[in-house]
Amino acid sequence: MELALKIILVIASLGLIAAVLLQPGKSAGLSGAISGGAEHLFGKKKARGLELFLSRLTMGLAIVFFVLSLIVAYFVKGA
């Protein structure tokens, strides 16, 4: 059981890394960092298509990774 959870955890972590790396950059330089934060905060640009999918995939994989990490830590501590 512990080995299977660890394998799933590794797969989830690799998927999370891939999803983060596939996302496009949001800002270009210092001016993008200043204005990009305001646009993101007030929702001027809505994410569509692939960006929306990658954003939701990243969030889902992060939740799965976090929960699996807690479960694996519980099993390792108990052993």
C-alpha atoms as a PDB file:
ATOM      1  CA  MET A   1       0.000   0.000   0.000  1.00  0.00           C
ATOM      2  CA  GLU A   2       2.755   2.422   0.976  1.00  0.00           C
ATOM      3  CA  LEU A   3       4.721   1.679  -2.197  1.00  0.00           C
ATOM      4  CA  ALA A   4       1.666   2.236  -4.405  1.00  0.00           C
ATOM      5  CA  LEU A   5       0.969   5.595  -2.733  1.00  0.00           C
ATOM      6  CA  LYS A   6       4.580   6.659  -3.205  1.00  0.00           C
ATOM      7  CA  ILE A   7       4.447   5.761  -6.902  1.00  0.00           C
ATOM      8  CA  ILE A   8       1.216   7.754  -7.328  1.00  0.00           C
ATOM      9  CA  LEU A   9       2.841  10.661  -5.446  1.00  0.00           C
ATOM     10  CA  VAL A  10       5.816  10.660  -7.833  1.00  0.00           C
ATOM     11  CA  ILE A  11       3.498  10.590 -10.851  1.00  0.00           C
ATOM     12  CA  ALA A  12       1.434  13.466  -9.412  1.00  0.00           C
ATOM     13  CA  SER A  13       4.572  15.504  -8.721  1.00  0.00           C
ATOM     14  CA  LEU A  14       5.880  14.974 -12.264  1.00  0.00           C
ATOM     15  CA  GLY A  15       2.479  15.980 -13.652  1.00  0.00           C
ATOM     16  CA  LEU A  16       2.463  19.101 -11.490  1.00  0.00           C
ATOM     17  CA  ILE A  17       5.946  20.065 -12.685  1.00  0.00           C
ATOM     18  CA  ALA A  18       4.917  19.556 -16.308  1.00  0.00           C
ATOM     19  CA  ALA A  19       1.707  21.574 -15.894  1.00  0.00           C
ATOM     20  CA  VAL A  20       3.570  24.490 -14.339  1.00  0.00           C
ATOM     21  CA  LEU A  21       6.246  24.474 -17.029  1.00  0.00           C
ATOM     22  CA  LEU A  22       3.671  24.386 -19.839  1.00  0.00           C
ATOM     23  CA  GLN A  23       1.955  27.557 -18.657  1.00  0.00           C
ATOM     24  CA  PRO A  24       2.840  30.704 -20.598  1.00  0.00           C
ATOM     25  CA  GLY A  25       4.588  33.598 -18.871  1.00  0.00           C
ATOM     26  CA  LYS A  26       2.256  36.275 -17.548  1.00  0.00           C
ATOM     27  CA  SER A  27       4.613  39.251 -17.521  1.00  0.00           C
ATOM     28  CA  ALA A  28       7.431  40.614 -19.642  1.00  0.00           C
ATOM     29  CA  GLY A  29       9.985  42.569 -17.656  1.00  0.00           C
ATOM     30  CA  LEU A  30       9.405  45.143 -14.945  1.00  0.00           C
ATOM     31  CA  SER A  31       6.505  46.904 -16.676  1.00  0.00           C
ATOM     32  CA  GLY A  32       4.672  43.612 -17.051  1.00  0.00           C
ATOM     33  CA  ALA A  33       5.199  42.857 -13.375  1.00  0.00           C
ATOM     34  CA  ILE A  34       3.637  46.159 -12.349  1.00  0.00           C
ATOM     35  CA  SER A  35       0.701  46.250 -14.737  1.00  0.00           C
ATOM     36  CA  GLY A  36       0.225  42.476 -14.905  1.00  0.00           C
ATOM     37  CA  GLY A  37      -0.574  42.239 -11.222  1.00  0.00           C
ATOM     38  CA  ALA A  38      -3.309  44.854 -11.511  1.00  0.00           C
ATOM     39  CA  GLU A  39      -4.821  43.176 -14.547  1.00  0.00           C
ATOM     40  CA  HIS A  40      -4.819  39.825 -12.792  1.00  0.00           C
ATOM     41  CA  LEU A  41      -6.345  41.330  -9.652  1.00  0.00           C
ATOM     42  CA  PHE A  42      -9.195  43.109 -11.395  1.00  0.00           C
ATOM     43  CA  GLY A  43      -9.762  40.408 -14.013  1.00  0.00           C
ATOM     44  CA  LYS A  44      -9.259  42.425 -17.188  1.00  0.00           C
ATOM     45  CA  LYS A  45      -8.030  39.419 -19.121  1.00  0.00           C
ATOM     46  CA  LYS A  46      -9.993  36.222 -18.763  1.00  0.00           C
ATOM     47  CA  ALA A  47      -8.155  32.960 -19.283  1.00  0.00           C
ATOM     48  CA  ARG A  48      -9.532  30.934 -22.184  1.00  0.00           C
ATOM     49  CA  GLY A  49      -8.836  27.625 -23.809  1.00  0.00           C
ATOM     50  CA  LEU A  50      -5.489  26.067 -23.026  1.00  0.00           C
ATOM     51  CA  GLU A  51      -4.543  28.637 -20.374  1.00  0.00           C
ATOM     52  CA  LEU A  52      -7.724  27.935 -18.423  1.00  0.00           C
ATOM     53  CA  PHE A  53      -7.222  24.179 -18.744  1.00  0.00           C
ATOM     54  CA  LEU A  54      -3.604  24.366 -17.572  1.00  0.00           C
ATOM     55  CA  SER A  55      -4.576  26.604 -14.670  1.00  0.00           C
ATOM     56  CA  ARG A  56      -7.260  24.210 -13.477  1.00  0.00           C
ATOM     57  CA  LEU A  57      -5.011  21.187 -14.072  1.00  0.00           C
ATOM     58  CA  THR A  58      -2.263  22.776 -11.992  1.00  0.00           C
ATOM     59  CA  MET A  59      -4.682  23.512  -9.163  1.00  0.00           C
ATOM     60  CA  GLY A  60      -6.062  19.978  -9.227  1.00  0.00           C
ATOM     61  CA  LEU A  61      -2.636  18.361  -9.306  1.00  0.00           C
ATOM     62  CA  ALA A  62      -1.441  20.582  -6.466  1.00  0.00           C
ATOM     63  CA  ILE A  63      -4.370  19.463  -4.310  1.00  0.00           C
ATOM     64  CA  VAL A  64      -3.742  15.806  -5.173  1.00  0.00           C
ATOM     65  CA  PHE A  65      -0.031  16.219  -4.410  1.00  0.00           C
ATOM     66  CA  PHE A  66      -0.722  17.864  -1.055  1.00  0.00           C
ATOM     67  CA  VAL A  67      -3.254  15.238   0.056  1.00  0.00           C
ATOM     68  CA  LEU A  68      -1.057  12.351  -1.083  1.00  0.00           C
ATOM     69  CA  SER A  69       1.923  13.862   0.737  1.00  0.00           C
ATOM     70  CA  LEU A  70      -0.067  13.923   3.968  1.00  0.00           C
ATOM     71  CA  ILE A  71      -1.285  10.351   3.477  1.00  0.00           C
ATOM     72  CA  VAL A  72       2.200   9.013   2.691  1.00  0.00           C
ATOM     73  CA  ALA A  73       3.647  10.883   5.690  1.00  0.00           C
ATOM     74  CA  TYR A  74       0.990   9.296   7.918  1.00  0.00           C
ATOM     75  CA  PHE A  75       1.821   5.786   6.676  1.00  0.00           C
ATOM     76  CA  VAL A  76       5.567   6.302   6.972  1.00  0.00           C
ATOM     77  CA  LYS A  77       5.203   7.686  10.503  1.00  0.00           C
ATOM     78  CA  GLY A  78       3.046   4.744  11.533  1.00  0.00           C
ATOM     79  CA  ALA A  79       5.536   2.164  10.274  1.00  0.00           C
END
